[in-house]
C-alpha atoms as a PDB file:
ATOM      1  CA  MET A   1       0.210  -0.431   0.270  1.00  0.00           C
ATOM      2  CA  GLU A   2       1.912   2.800  -0.884  1.00  0.00           C
ATOM      3  CA  LEU A   3       1.493   6.590   0.306  1.00  0.00           C
ATOM      4  CA  HIS A   4       2.433   9.307  -2.471  1.00  0.00           C
ATOM      5  CA  MET A   5       3.972  12.224  -0.376  1.00  0.00           C
ATOM      6  CA  ASP A   6       1.886  14.660  -2.069  1.00  0.00           C
ATOM      7  CA  MET A   7      -0.855  13.521  -0.511  1.00  0.00           C
ATOM      8  CA  MET A   8       0.683  15.019   2.629  1.00  0.00           C
ATOM      9  CA  ASP A   9       0.005  18.373   1.254  1.00  0.00           C
ATOM     10  CA  SER A  10      -3.553  18.472   0.653  1.00  0.00           C
ATOM     11  CA  PRO A  11      -5.855  20.694   3.153  1.00  0.00           C
ATOM     12  CA  CYS A  12      -7.831  17.950   3.614  1.00  0.00           C
ATOM     13  CA  GLY A  13      -7.077  14.316   4.449  1.00  0.00           C
ATOM     14  CA  LEU A  14      -9.765  12.947   3.365  1.00  0.00           C
ATOM     15  CA  ASP A  15      -7.303  11.289   0.537  1.00  0.00           C
ATOM     16  CA  VAL A  16      -4.985   9.609   3.558  1.00  0.00           C
ATOM     17  CA  SER A  17      -8.513   8.573   5.002  1.00  0.00           C
ATOM     18  CA  LEU A  18      -9.362   7.131   2.162  1.00  0.00           C
ATOM     19  CA  LYS A  19      -6.222   5.485   1.511  1.00  0.00           C
ATOM     20  CA  VAL A  20      -6.141   3.879   5.013  1.00  0.00           C
ATOM     21  CA  ILE A  21      -9.916   2.936   4.535  1.00  0.00           C
ATOM     22  CA  GLY A  22     -10.584   2.342   0.584  1.00  0.00           C
ATOM     23  CA  GLY A  23     -12.897   0.142  -0.719  1.00  0.00           C
ATOM     24  CA  LYS A  24     -15.788  -1.632   0.390  1.00  0.00           C
ATOM     25  CA  TRP A  25     -14.913  -4.380   3.001  1.00  0.00           C
ATOM     26  CA  LYS A  26     -12.059  -1.845   4.908  1.00  0.00           C
ATOM     27  CA  PRO A  27     -15.047  -0.057   6.789  1.00  0.00           C
ATOM     28  CA  LEU A  28     -17.490  -3.013   7.142  1.00  0.00           C
ATOM     29  CA  ILE A  29     -14.299  -4.773   8.892  1.00  0.00           C
ATOM     30  CA  LEU A  30     -13.731  -2.014  10.935  1.00  0.00           C
ATOM     31  CA  TYR A  31     -16.794  -1.669  12.329  1.00  0.00           C
ATOM     32  CA  HIS A  32     -17.749  -5.502  13.330  1.00  0.00           C
ATOM     33  CA  LEU A  33     -14.050  -5.941  15.157  1.00  0.00           C
ATOM     34  CA  GLN A  34     -15.302  -2.166  17.125  1.00  0.00           C
ATOM     35  CA  GLY A  35     -17.070  -4.616  20.048  1.00  0.00           C
ATOM     36  CA  GLY A  36     -13.654  -6.331  20.396  1.00  0.00           C
ATOM     37  CA  PRO A  37     -10.854  -8.569  18.679  1.00  0.00           C
ATOM     38  CA  ALA A  38     -12.777 -11.544  16.537  1.00  0.00           C
ATOM     39  CA  ARG A  39     -11.288 -14.447  15.389  1.00  0.00           C
ATOM     40  CA  PHE A  40     -10.446 -14.660  11.210  1.00  0.00           C
ATOM     41  CA  SER A  41     -13.548 -16.327  10.986  1.00  0.00           C
ATOM     42  CA  GLN A  42     -16.104 -14.524  13.057  1.00  0.00           C
ATOM     43  CA  VAL A  43     -14.855 -11.619  11.065  1.00  0.00           C
ATOM     44  CA  LYS A  44     -15.576 -13.374   8.400  1.00  0.00           C
ATOM     45  CA  GLN A  45     -19.051 -14.742   9.378  1.00  0.00           C
ATOM     46  CA  ARG A  46     -20.187 -10.734  10.375  1.00  0.00           C
ATOM     47  CA  VAL A  47     -18.783  -9.703   7.047  1.00  0.00           C
ATOM     48  CA  VAL A  48     -21.313 -10.379   4.996  1.00  0.00           C
ATOM     49  CA  GLY A  49     -20.375 -11.782   1.046  1.00  0.00           C
ATOM     50  CA  ILE A  50     -16.680 -10.901   2.092  1.00  0.00           C
ATOM     51  CA  SER A  51     -14.205 -13.711   0.062  1.00  0.00           C
ATOM     52  CA  GLU A  52     -11.926 -15.453   2.716  1.00  0.00           C
ATOM     53  CA  LYS A  53      -8.849 -14.361   0.171  1.00  0.00           C
ATOM     54  CA  VAL A  54     -10.003 -10.798   0.265  1.00  0.00           C
ATOM     55  CA  LEU A  55     -10.820 -10.622   4.099  1.00  0.00           C
ATOM     56  CA  ILE A  56      -7.299 -12.118   4.277  1.00  0.00           C
ATOM     57  CA  GLN A  57      -5.756  -9.193   2.077  1.00  0.00           C
ATOM     58  CA  GLN A  58      -8.026  -6.827   3.659  1.00  0.00           C
ATOM     59  CA  LEU A  59      -6.693  -7.573   7.145  1.00  0.00           C
ATOM     60  CA  ARG A  60      -3.218  -7.796   6.707  1.00  0.00           C
ATOM     61  CA  GLU A  61      -3.324  -3.999   4.844  1.00  0.00           C
ATOM     62  CA  LEU A  62      -4.873  -3.164   8.207  1.00  0.00           C
ATOM     63  CA  VAL A  63      -2.343  -4.565   9.948  1.00  0.00           C
ATOM     64  CA  ALA A  64       0.553  -3.035   7.928  1.00  0.00           C
ATOM     65  CA  MET A  65      -1.303   0.295   8.591  1.00  0.00           C
ATOM     66  CA  ASN A  66      -1.239   0.224  12.383  1.00  0.00           C
ATOM     67  CA  VAL A  67      -5.789   0.354  12.576  1.00  0.00           C
ATOM     68  CA  LEU A  68      -5.329  -3.764  13.427  1.00  0.00           C
ATOM     69  CA  ILE A  69      -2.719  -5.650  15.637  1.00  0.00           C
ATOM     70  CA  ARG A  70      -2.514  -9.551  14.663  1.00  0.00           C
ATOM     71  CA  ARG A  71      -2.438 -11.750  17.782  1.00  0.00           C
ATOM     72  CA  ASP A  72      -0.961 -15.060  17.484  1.00  0.00           C
ATOM     73  CA  HIS A  73      -2.125 -16.586  20.958  1.00  0.00           C
ATOM     74  CA  GLN A  74       0.751 -18.991  19.971  1.00  0.00           C
ATOM     75  CA  ARG A  75      -1.170 -22.307  20.656  1.00  0.00           C
ATOM     76  CA  VAL A  76      -3.058 -25.541  19.063  1.00  0.00           C
ATOM     77  CA  PRO A  77      -5.055 -25.408  17.845  1.00  0.00           C
ATOM     78  CA  PRO A  78      -3.893 -22.221  16.819  1.00  0.00           C
ATOM     79  CA  MET A  79      -5.910 -19.587  17.871  1.00  0.00           C
ATOM     80  CA  VAL A  80      -5.309 -16.273  16.034  1.00  0.00           C
ATOM     81  CA  ASP A  81      -7.942 -12.793  16.310  1.00  0.00           C
ATOM     82  CA  TYR A  82      -8.090  -9.521  15.641  1.00  0.00           C
ATOM     83  CA  ALA A  83      -7.804  -6.554  17.581  1.00  0.00           C
ATOM     84  CA  LEU A  84      -8.550  -2.704  17.036  1.00  0.00           C
ATOM     85  CA  THR A  85      -5.138  -0.748  17.677  1.00  0.00           C
ATOM     86  CA  PRO A  86      -5.658   2.647  19.860  1.00  0.00           C
ATOM     87  CA  PHE A  87      -4.966   4.149  16.627  1.00  0.00           C
ATOM     88  CA  GLY A  88      -7.547   2.333  15.065  1.00  0.00           C
ATOM     89  CA  GLU A  89      -9.652   3.324  17.349  1.00  0.00           C
ATOM     90  CA  THR A  90      -9.597   6.582  16.887  1.00  0.00           C
ATOM     91  CA  LEU A  91     -10.584   6.063  12.568  1.00  0.00           C
ATOM     92  CA  VAL A  92     -13.707   4.066  13.943  1.00  0.00           C
ATOM     93  CA  GLU A  93     -14.977   7.170  15.992  1.00  0.00           C
ATOM     94  CA  THR A  94     -14.733   9.265  12.677  1.00  0.00           C
ATOM     95  CA  LEU A  95     -16.623   5.777  11.170  1.00  0.00           C
ATOM     96  CA  ARG A  96     -20.252   6.055  13.230  1.00  0.00           C
ATOM     97  CA  PRO A  97     -21.405   8.566  11.958  1.00  0.00           C
ATOM     98  CA  LEU A  98     -21.543   7.598   8.591  1.00  0.00           C
ATOM     99  CA  CYS A  99     -22.875   4.599  10.015  1.00  0.00           C
ATOM    100  CA  GLU A 100     -25.385   6.438  11.958  1.00  0.00           C
ATOM    101  CA  TRP A 101     -26.769   9.041   8.141  1.00  0.00           C
ATOM    102  CA  GLY A 102     -26.283   5.296   6.850  1.00  0.00           C
ATOM    103  CA  THR A 103     -28.756   3.870   8.451  1.00  0.00           C
ATOM    104  CA  GLN A 104     -31.077   7.434   8.292  1.00  0.00           C
ATOM    105  CA  ASN A 105     -30.977   7.250   5.203  1.00  0.00           C
ATOM    106  CA  ARG A 106     -31.224   3.458   3.708  1.00  0.00           C
ATOM    107  CA  ALA A 107     -35.155   4.010   2.627  1.00  0.00           C
ATOM    108  CA  ARG A 108     -34.101   6.655   0.293  1.00  0.00           C
ATOM    109  CA  VAL A 109     -31.028   5.329  -1.078  1.00  0.00           C
ATOM    110  CA  ALA A 110     -32.586   2.430  -1.997  1.00  0.00           C
ATOM    111  CA  ALA A 111     -35.351   4.444  -3.451  1.00  0.00           C
ATOM    112  CA  THR A 112     -33.523   6.548  -5.549  1.00  0.00           C
ATOM    113  CA  LEU A 113     -31.265   3.418  -6.707  1.00  0.00           C
ATOM    114  CA  ALA A 114     -34.597   1.534  -6.976  1.00  0.00           C
ATOM    115  CA  SER A 115     -35.571   4.376  -9.813  1.00  0.00           C
ATOM    116  CA  ALA A 116     -32.480   4.751 -11.350  1.00  0.00           C
ATOM    117  CA  SER A 117     -32.543   1.051 -12.442  1.00  0.00           C
ATOM    118  CA  SER A 118     -35.814   1.456 -13.722  1.00  0.00           C
ATOM    119  CA  GLN A 119     -34.935   3.962 -16.340  1.00  0.00           C
ATOM    120  CA  PRO A 120     -33.614   3.507 -19.362  1.00  0.00           C
END
């Protein structure tokens, strides 16, 4: 994951934020980890529709950005879980208003999308 230096000169940090959480799955992964650590299988179950390959990739990227920590409990059978770092917790705080906005506007957005798809 490359972060260009010109991103640091922008007056708005959205480019940096989107570099960290960009894509369809990362915000959902973070949302589902805000309640505490979870094992890979639990995250996969909570994030409906994500493939195992993509989940592995997204988790690795979030760990690399110090948003998540991967903890290997060094036991048999193997047990690994993922948890938010303090840095990641600050990011999740910023996602909560987006979650609330989406919840409040779900029907409106669905109606708009349905209307747009029914037009020739």
